[in-house]
C-alpha atoms as a PDB file:
ATOM      1  CA  MET A   1     -16.820  15.879   5.088  1.00  0.00           C
ATOM      2  CA  LYS A   2     -19.497  13.299   3.920  1.00  0.00           C
ATOM      3  CA  ASP A   3     -21.501  11.235   6.315  1.00  0.00           C
ATOM      4  CA  THR A   4     -19.623   8.054   5.312  1.00  0.00           C
ATOM      5  CA  ASP A   5     -16.335   9.688   5.978  1.00  0.00           C
ATOM      6  CA  LYS A   6     -17.521  10.910   9.468  1.00  0.00           C
ATOM      7  CA  THR A   7     -18.717   7.327  10.249  1.00  0.00           C
ATOM      8  CA  ILE A   8     -15.421   5.839   9.139  1.00  0.00           C
ATOM      9  CA  ALA A   9     -13.356   8.421  11.108  1.00  0.00           C
ATOM     10  CA  LEU A  10     -15.612   7.926  14.178  1.00  0.00           C
ATOM     11  CA  HIS A  11     -15.168   4.134  14.100  1.00  0.00           C
ATOM     12  CA  GLY A  12     -11.575   4.196  12.979  1.00  0.00           C
ATOM     13  CA  GLY A  13     -12.338   2.106   9.856  1.00  0.00           C
ATOM     14  CA  LYS A  14     -14.890  -0.079   8.357  1.00  0.00           C
ATOM     15  CA  THR A  15     -16.006  -3.576   9.444  1.00  0.00           C
ATOM     16  CA  ILE A  16     -16.534  -6.160   6.553  1.00  0.00           C
ATOM     17  CA  GLU A  17     -16.952  -9.916   6.615  1.00  0.00           C
ATOM     18  CA  VAL A  18     -14.006 -11.936   5.315  1.00  0.00           C
ATOM     19  CA  ILE A  19     -13.828 -15.597   4.357  1.00  0.00           C
ATOM     20  CA  PHE A  20     -10.863 -17.791   4.949  1.00  0.00           C
ATOM     21  CA  ALA A  21      -9.752 -20.340   2.344  1.00  0.00           C
ATOM     22  CA  LEU A  22     -10.599 -23.939   3.167  1.00  0.00           C
ATOM     23  CA  ILE A  23      -7.946 -25.997   4.749  1.00  0.00           C
ATOM     24  CA  GLU A  24      -7.670 -29.785   4.322  1.00  0.00           C
ATOM     25  CA  GLY A  25     -10.409 -31.415   6.415  1.00  0.00           C
ATOM     26  CA  GLN A  26     -12.698 -28.530   6.424  1.00  0.00           C
ATOM     27  CA  THR A  27     -16.083 -28.755   4.952  1.00  0.00           C
ATOM     28  CA  GLU A  28     -17.152 -25.036   5.441  1.00  0.00           C
ATOM     29  CA  ALA A  29     -15.130 -21.901   5.148  1.00  0.00           C
ATOM     30  CA  ARG A  30     -14.576 -19.849   8.301  1.00  0.00           C
ATOM     31  CA  ARG A  31     -15.955 -16.312   8.287  1.00  0.00           C
ATOM     32  CA  GLU A  32     -14.959 -13.439  10.443  1.00  0.00           C
ATOM     33  CA  GLN A  33     -15.987  -9.844  10.857  1.00  0.00           C
ATOM     34  CA  ILE A  34     -12.825  -7.673  10.558  1.00  0.00           C
ATOM     35  CA  LYS A  35     -12.193  -4.052  10.652  1.00  0.00           C
ATOM     36  CA  VAL A  36     -10.324  -2.543   7.734  1.00  0.00           C
ATOM     37  CA  ARG A  37      -8.675   0.270   9.690  1.00  0.00           C
ATOM     38  CA  GLN A  38      -8.223   3.879   8.923  1.00  0.00           C
ATOM     39  CA  ILE A  39      -4.444   3.985   9.191  1.00  0.00           C
ATOM     40  CA  PRO A  40      -3.398   6.444  12.048  1.00  0.00           C
ATOM     41  CA  ILE A  41      -0.734   9.078  10.958  1.00  0.00           C
ATOM     42  CA  ARG A  42       1.804   7.447  13.451  1.00  0.00           C
ATOM     43  CA  ASP A  43       1.666   4.396  11.196  1.00  0.00           C
ATOM     44  CA  TYR A  44       2.040   6.031   7.775  1.00  0.00           C
ATOM     45  CA  GLU A  45       5.768   5.434   7.555  1.00  0.00           C
ATOM     46  CA  ALA A  46       5.425   1.766   8.404  1.00  0.00           C
ATOM     47  CA  GLY A  47       2.582   1.473   5.911  1.00  0.00           C
ATOM     48  CA  PHE A  48       4.495   3.174   3.209  1.00  0.00           C
ATOM     49  CA  GLY A  49       7.237   0.460   3.666  1.00  0.00           C
ATOM     50  CA  ARG A  50       4.602  -2.139   2.679  1.00  0.00           C
ATOM     51  CA  VAL A  51       3.359  -0.759  -0.634  1.00  0.00           C
ATOM     52  CA  ASN A  52       5.773  -2.972  -2.448  1.00  0.00           C
ATOM     53  CA  ASP A  53       4.202  -6.110  -0.885  1.00  0.00           C
ATOM     54  CA  GLU A  54       0.467  -6.015  -1.401  1.00  0.00           C
ATOM     55  CA  ILE A  55      -0.136  -9.130   0.561  1.00  0.00           C
ATOM     56  CA  ASP A  56       1.650  -7.558   3.564  1.00  0.00           C
ATOM     57  CA  LEU A  57      -0.330  -4.288   2.892  1.00  0.00           C
ATOM     58  CA  VAL A  58      -3.647  -6.162   3.219  1.00  0.00           C
ATOM     59  CA  GLY A  59      -2.614  -7.535   6.614  1.00  0.00           C
ATOM     60  CA  PHE A  60      -1.483  -4.121   7.732  1.00  0.00           C
ATOM     61  CA  LEU A  61      -4.862  -2.518   6.635  1.00  0.00           C
ATOM     62  CA  CYS A  62      -6.529  -4.960   9.121  1.00  0.00           C
ATOM     63  CA  GLY A  63      -3.953  -4.716  11.746  1.00  0.00           C
ATOM     64  CA  ARG A  64      -2.729  -8.222  11.109  1.00  0.00           C
ATOM     65  CA  ASP A  65       0.368  -9.658   9.440  1.00  0.00           C
ATOM     66  CA  LYS A  66       1.180 -11.108   6.029  1.00  0.00           C
ATOM     67  CA  VAL A  67       0.717 -14.659   7.189  1.00  0.00           C
ATOM     68  CA  TRP A  68      -2.922 -13.867   8.139  1.00  0.00           C
ATOM     69  CA  ALA A  69      -3.549 -12.369   4.711  1.00  0.00           C
ATOM     70  CA  LEU A  70      -2.328 -15.343   2.966  1.00  0.00           C
ATOM     71  CA  THR A  71      -5.195 -17.353   4.531  1.00  0.00           C
ATOM     72  CA  LEU A  72      -8.032 -15.299   2.920  1.00  0.00           C
ATOM     73  CA  THR A  73     -10.034 -16.209  -0.143  1.00  0.00           C
ATOM     74  CA  PRO A  74      -9.282 -14.089  -3.255  1.00  0.00           C
ATOM     75  CA  GLU A  75     -12.663 -12.406  -2.955  1.00  0.00           C
ATOM     76  CA  SER A  76     -11.973 -11.352   0.707  1.00  0.00           C
ATOM     77  CA  TYR A  77      -8.476 -10.196  -0.208  1.00  0.00           C
ATOM     78  CA  GLU A  78      -9.939  -7.936  -2.897  1.00  0.00           C
ATOM     79  CA  SER A  79     -12.589  -6.721  -0.746  1.00  0.00           C
ATOM     80  CA  ILE A  80     -10.013  -5.522   2.000  1.00  0.00           C
ATOM     81  CA  LEU A  81      -8.056  -3.744  -0.707  1.00  0.00           C
ATOM     82  CA  THR A  82     -11.160  -1.948  -1.936  1.00  0.00           C
ATOM     83  CA  THR A  83     -12.281  -1.093   1.529  1.00  0.00           C
ATOM     84  CA  GLY A  84      -8.846   0.002   2.521  1.00  0.00           C
ATOM     85  CA  ARG A  85      -8.682   2.411  -0.528  1.00  0.00           C
ATOM     86  CA  GLU A  86     -12.084   3.834   0.499  1.00  0.00           C
ATOM     87  CA  VAL A  87     -11.332   4.144   4.171  1.00  0.00           C
ATOM     88  CA  ASN A  88      -7.901   5.672   3.584  1.00  0.00           C
ATOM     89  CA  ARG A  89      -8.351   7.688   0.520  1.00  0.00           C
ATOM     90  CA  LEU A  90      -8.071  10.993   2.299  1.00  0.00           C
ATOM     91  CA  GLY A  91      -5.191   9.981   4.460  1.00  0.00           C
ATOM     92  CA  PHE A  92      -2.750   7.183   4.121  1.00  0.00           C
ATOM     93  CA  PHE A  93      -2.907   6.695   0.383  1.00  0.00           C
ATOM     94  CA  THR A  94      -2.730  10.493  -0.286  1.00  0.00           C
ATOM     95  CA  TYR A  95       0.456  10.411   1.837  1.00  0.00           C
ATOM     96  CA  CYS A  96       1.861   7.621  -0.176  1.00  0.00           C
ATOM     97  CA  GLN A  97       1.153   9.397  -3.410  1.00  0.00           C
ATOM     98  CA  ARG A  98       2.914  12.554  -2.173  1.00  0.00           C
ATOM     99  CA  ARG A  99       5.978  10.457  -1.155  1.00  0.00           C
ATOM    100  CA  MET A 100       6.173   8.807  -4.529  1.00  0.00           C
ATOM    101  CA  GLU A 101       5.778  12.033  -6.379  1.00  0.00           C
ATOM    102  CA  HIS A 102       8.530  13.691  -4.352  1.00  0.00           C
ATOM    103  CA  ALA A 103      10.820  10.654  -4.955  1.00  0.00           C
ATOM    104  CA  GLN A 104       9.986  10.801  -8.729  1.00  0.00           C
ATOM    105  CA  LYS A 105      10.744  14.638  -8.881  1.00  0.00           C
ATOM    106  CA  GLN A 106      14.035  13.909  -7.174  1.00  0.00           C
ATOM    107  CA  ASP A 107      14.867  11.051  -9.624  1.00  0.00           C
ATOM    108  CA  ALA A 108      13.947  13.327 -12.557  1.00  0.00           C
ATOM    109  CA  ALA A 109      16.223  16.021 -11.326  1.00  0.00           C
ATOM    110  CA  LEU A 110      18.982  13.441 -10.913  1.00  0.00           C
ATOM    111  CA  LEU A 111      18.502  12.081 -14.375  1.00  0.00           C
ATOM    112  CA  ASP A 112      18.667  15.475 -15.745  1.00  0.00           C
ATOM    113  CA  LYS A 113      22.040  16.062 -14.087  1.00  0.00           C
ATOM    114  CA  LEU A 114      23.144  12.654 -15.217  1.00  0.00           C
ATOM    115  CA  SER A 115      22.235  13.415 -18.825  1.00  0.00           C
ATOM    116  CA  HIS A 116      24.887  16.140 -18.773  1.00  0.00           C
ATOM    117  CA  LEU A 117      27.712  13.926 -17.725  1.00  0.00           C
ATOM    118  CA  PRO A 118      30.209  12.352 -20.283  1.00  0.00           C
ATOM    119  CA  PRO A 119      29.181   8.821 -21.092  1.00  0.00           C
ATOM    120  CA  GLU A 120      31.994   7.168 -19.068  1.00  0.00           C
ATOM    121  CA  ALA A 121      31.042   9.142 -15.959  1.00  0.00           C
ATOM    122  CA  MET A 122      27.329   8.262 -16.406  1.00  0.00           C
ATOM    123  CA  ARG A 123      28.132   4.608 -16.691  1.00  0.00           C
ATOM    124  CA  ALA A 124      30.160   4.768 -13.367  1.00  0.00           C
ATOM    125  CA  VAL A 125      27.428   6.528 -11.530  1.00  0.00           C
ATOM    126  CA  MET A 126      24.659   4.228 -12.809  1.00  0.00           C
ATOM    127  CA  SER A 127      26.699   1.142 -11.722  1.00  0.00           C
ATOM    128  CA  PHE A 128      26.060   2.090  -8.125  1.00  0.00           C
ATOM    129  CA  GLY A 129      22.403   1.180  -8.190  1.00  0.00           C
ATOM    130  CA  LYS A 130      18.862   2.042  -8.740  1.00  0.00           C
ATOM    131  CA  LEU A 131      17.114   5.436  -8.345  1.00  0.00           C
ATOM    132  CA  SER A 132      14.962   5.940  -5.172  1.00  0.00           C
ATOM    133  CA  THR A 133      11.593   5.752  -7.054  1.00  0.00           C
ATOM    134  CA  LEU A 134      12.527   2.743  -8.950  1.00  0.00           C
ATOM    135  CA  GLU A 135      13.480   0.750  -5.987  1.00  0.00           C
ATOM    136  CA  ASN A 136      10.788   1.816  -3.535  1.00  0.00           C
ATOM    137  CA  THR A 137       7.609   1.338  -5.546  1.00  0.00           C
ATOM    138  CA  PRO A 138       6.274  -1.727  -7.299  1.00  0.00           C
ATOM    139  CA  PRO A 139       5.785  -1.586 -11.168  1.00  0.00           C
ATOM    140  CA  GLY A 140       2.588   0.092 -12.051  1.00  0.00           C
ATOM    141  CA  PHE A 141       1.635   1.026  -8.428  1.00  0.00           C
ATOM    142  CA  HIS A 142      -0.409   4.194  -8.200  1.00  0.00           C
ATOM    143  CA  PRO A 143      -2.209   4.954  -4.983  1.00  0.00           C
ATOM    144  CA  PRO A 144      -5.668   6.493  -5.442  1.00  0.00           C
ATOM    145  CA  ARG A 145      -5.852  10.227  -5.951  1.00  0.00           C
ATOM    146  CA  ALA A 146      -7.425  12.251  -3.269  1.00  0.00           C
END
């Protein structure tokens, strides 16, 4: 384990400065020190449910909500995502990747079975809805590899 990984684990995340977007009447942006947390295992399931909503994920990485994340400047938003990937590369995002790979394997097996059905039966089955991977992950989402 690298020294930076040990420090992150010891502190439960990494503190960065974020800047909030100006609101009407403000002349100077508000700044705040915020911890981008190392997601505890007990929160992995709840976090995985947020990968479809990046703004919500940004709030979750900081122990805040989506409304809070909406008040950030774009630079701070991106900084939280970058730091969140760094802080959670050996934990939360690896878990997300395994979950997605498992769902993709299940979908591939299902598609293989469907491909052997008569066309009428396949249309009937497909009319029931999407496959698990397609409905649970955003287009182009790929968590960082460990």
